[in-house]
Amino acid sequence: MLIVIGRAQAAPGRRGEFVTAARAVTDATRDDEGCRSYGFYADLSDENIIVGVEMWRERADLDSHMGHEHTRIFLGAFPDLVVGEPVVSVHEVL
């Protein structure tokens, strides 16, 4: 299983748009083959820090997800919705 954790800061005045885009990709992604869990969460100390947590059955499922239309739409909007580069880590667990 793979666990993907991402962290990004919403751009000033764009948090609402970020949340809307995150909800859309979440709703679509939860039906993706091999998706065990997928969600976005606000940091308790700074609501503009958004944390994404994904769990995938295997690497092939994550790779397939990256090619889906709903993922491409989200990733296309993402640069305008955040400040700086997101921090992402991928962990393989047994």
C-alpha atoms as a PDB file:
ATOM      1  CA  MET A   1       0.000   0.000   0.000  1.00  0.00           C
ATOM      2  CA  LEU A   2       1.116   3.579  -0.663  1.00  0.00           C
ATOM      3  CA  ILE A   3       0.403   6.564   1.557  1.00  0.00           C
ATOM      4  CA  VAL A   4       0.819   9.995  -0.008  1.00  0.00           C
ATOM      5  CA  ILE A   5       0.917  13.087   2.213  1.00  0.00           C
ATOM      6  CA  GLY A   6       0.949  16.554   0.698  1.00  0.00           C
ATOM      7  CA  ARG A   7       1.003  19.985   2.313  1.00  0.00           C
ATOM      8  CA  ALA A   8       0.359  23.334   0.646  1.00  0.00           C
ATOM      9  CA  GLN A   9      -0.547  26.877   1.642  1.00  0.00           C
ATOM     10  CA  ALA A  10      -3.605  28.429   0.006  1.00  0.00           C
ATOM     11  CA  ALA A  11      -2.853  31.682  -1.808  1.00  0.00           C
ATOM     12  CA  PRO A  12      -4.211  34.825  -0.119  1.00  0.00           C
ATOM     13  CA  GLY A  13      -7.930  35.081  -0.769  1.00  0.00           C
ATOM     14  CA  ARG A  14      -8.018  31.759  -2.680  1.00  0.00           C
ATOM     15  CA  ARG A  15      -8.732  29.271   0.130  1.00  0.00           C
ATOM     16  CA  GLY A  16     -12.395  28.932  -0.871  1.00  0.00           C
ATOM     17  CA  GLU A  17     -11.442  28.108  -4.463  1.00  0.00           C
ATOM     18  CA  PHE A  18      -8.848  25.628  -3.196  1.00  0.00           C
ATOM     19  CA  VAL A  19     -11.482  23.901  -1.064  1.00  0.00           C
ATOM     20  CA  THR A  20     -13.932  23.758  -3.988  1.00  0.00           C
ATOM     21  CA  ALA A  21     -11.291  22.218  -6.281  1.00  0.00           C
ATOM     22  CA  ALA A  22     -10.209  19.777  -3.552  1.00  0.00           C
ATOM     23  CA  ARG A  23     -13.812  18.652  -2.992  1.00  0.00           C
ATOM     24  CA  ALA A  24     -14.307  18.031  -6.698  1.00  0.00           C
ATOM     25  CA  VAL A  25     -11.159  15.944  -7.100  1.00  0.00           C
ATOM     26  CA  THR A  26     -11.900  14.096  -3.856  1.00  0.00           C
ATOM     27  CA  ASP A  27     -15.418  13.122  -4.939  1.00  0.00           C
ATOM     28  CA  ALA A  28     -14.131  11.785  -8.266  1.00  0.00           C
ATOM     29  CA  THR A  29     -10.988  10.131  -6.903  1.00  0.00           C
ATOM     30  CA  ARG A  30     -12.705   8.059  -4.242  1.00  0.00           C
ATOM     31  CA  ASP A  31     -14.121   5.946  -7.090  1.00  0.00           C
ATOM     32  CA  ASP A  32     -10.692   5.403  -8.691  1.00  0.00           C
ATOM     33  CA  GLU A  33      -9.467   1.810  -8.841  1.00  0.00           C
ATOM     34  CA  GLY A  34      -7.261   1.045  -5.838  1.00  0.00           C
ATOM     35  CA  CYS A  35      -8.124   4.199  -3.866  1.00  0.00           C
ATOM     36  CA  ARG A  36      -8.369   3.208  -0.202  1.00  0.00           C
ATOM     37  CA  SER A  37      -8.727   6.740   1.172  1.00  0.00           C
ATOM     38  CA  TYR A  38      -8.414  10.266  -0.208  1.00  0.00           C
ATOM     39  CA  GLY A  39      -9.027  13.570   1.539  1.00  0.00           C
ATOM     40  CA  PHE A  40      -7.909  17.099   2.325  1.00  0.00           C
ATOM     41  CA  TYR A  41      -7.727  18.611   5.805  1.00  0.00           C
ATOM     42  CA  ALA A  42      -6.983  22.033   7.317  1.00  0.00           C
ATOM     43  CA  ASP A  43      -4.025  22.437   9.655  1.00  0.00           C
ATOM     44  CA  LEU A  44      -5.389  23.251  13.131  1.00  0.00           C
ATOM     45  CA  SER A  45      -2.871  26.044  13.694  1.00  0.00           C
ATOM     46  CA  ASP A  46      -3.310  27.695  10.259  1.00  0.00           C
ATOM     47  CA  GLU A  47      -6.467  27.082   8.213  1.00  0.00           C
ATOM     48  CA  ASN A  48      -4.646  28.206   5.057  1.00  0.00           C
ATOM     49  CA  ILE A  49      -2.369  25.172   5.283  1.00  0.00           C
ATOM     50  CA  ILE A  50      -4.132  22.300   3.569  1.00  0.00           C
ATOM     51  CA  VAL A  51      -2.953  18.722   4.030  1.00  0.00           C
ATOM     52  CA  GLY A  52      -3.854  15.965   1.603  1.00  0.00           C
ATOM     53  CA  VAL A  53      -3.727  12.319   2.666  1.00  0.00           C
ATOM     54  CA  GLU A  54      -4.131   9.508   0.143  1.00  0.00           C
ATOM     55  CA  MET A  55      -3.946   5.746   0.487  1.00  0.00           C
ATOM     56  CA  TRP A  56      -3.526   3.551  -2.599  1.00  0.00           C
ATOM     57  CA  ARG A  57      -3.532  -0.223  -2.978  1.00  0.00           C
ATOM     58  CA  GLU A  58      -0.420  -0.126  -5.191  1.00  0.00           C
ATOM     59  CA  ARG A  59       1.772   2.181  -7.287  1.00  0.00           C
ATOM     60  CA  ALA A  60      -0.039   1.309 -10.531  1.00  0.00           C
ATOM     61  CA  ASP A  61      -3.309   2.637  -9.062  1.00  0.00           C
ATOM     62  CA  LEU A  62      -1.682   5.942  -8.082  1.00  0.00           C
ATOM     63  CA  ASP A  63      -0.048   6.202 -11.509  1.00  0.00           C
ATOM     64  CA  SER A  64      -3.418   5.616 -13.184  1.00  0.00           C
ATOM     65  CA  HIS A  65      -5.054   8.260 -10.962  1.00  0.00           C
ATOM     66  CA  MET A  66      -2.473  10.821 -12.093  1.00  0.00           C
ATOM     67  CA  GLY A  67      -3.684  10.403 -15.681  1.00  0.00           C
ATOM     68  CA  HIS A  68      -7.401  10.823 -15.005  1.00  0.00           C
ATOM     69  CA  GLU A  69      -9.242  13.908 -16.229  1.00  0.00           C
ATOM     70  CA  HIS A  70     -10.346  14.941 -12.716  1.00  0.00           C
ATOM     71  CA  THR A  71      -6.737  14.821 -11.516  1.00  0.00           C
ATOM     72  CA  ARG A  72      -5.470  16.821 -14.510  1.00  0.00           C
ATOM     73  CA  ILE A  73      -8.137  19.493 -13.906  1.00  0.00           C
ATOM     74  CA  PHE A  74      -7.156  19.797 -10.237  1.00  0.00           C
ATOM     75  CA  LEU A  75      -3.433  19.892 -10.959  1.00  0.00           C
ATOM     76  CA  GLY A  76      -4.012  22.486 -13.686  1.00  0.00           C
ATOM     77  CA  ALA A  77      -5.769  24.828 -11.253  1.00  0.00           C
ATOM     78  CA  PHE A  78      -3.432  24.099  -8.353  1.00  0.00           C
ATOM     79  CA  PRO A  79      -0.556  26.546  -9.130  1.00  0.00           C
ATOM     80  CA  ASP A  80      -2.922  29.544  -8.976  1.00  0.00           C
ATOM     81  CA  LEU A  81      -4.468  28.403  -5.696  1.00  0.00           C
ATOM     82  CA  VAL A  82      -1.312  27.973  -3.605  1.00  0.00           C
ATOM     83  CA  VAL A  83       1.745  29.884  -2.463  1.00  0.00           C
ATOM     84  CA  GLY A  84       5.062  28.222  -3.273  1.00  0.00           C
ATOM     85  CA  GLU A  85       5.645  24.562  -3.927  1.00  0.00           C
ATOM     86  CA  PRO A  86       3.706  21.879  -2.070  1.00  0.00           C
ATOM     87  CA  VAL A  87       5.635  19.387   0.024  1.00  0.00           C
ATOM     88  CA  VAL A  88       4.743  15.811  -0.893  1.00  0.00           C
ATOM     89  CA  SER A  89       5.988  12.518   0.505  1.00  0.00           C
ATOM     90  CA  VAL A  90       5.163   8.987  -0.632  1.00  0.00           C
ATOM     91  CA  HIS A  91       5.457   6.096   1.788  1.00  0.00           C
ATOM     92  CA  GLU A  92       5.270   2.430   0.884  1.00  0.00           C
ATOM     93  CA  VAL A  93       3.861   0.320   3.702  1.00  0.00           C
ATOM     94  CA  LEU A  94       3.287  -3.396   3.957  1.00  0.00           C
END
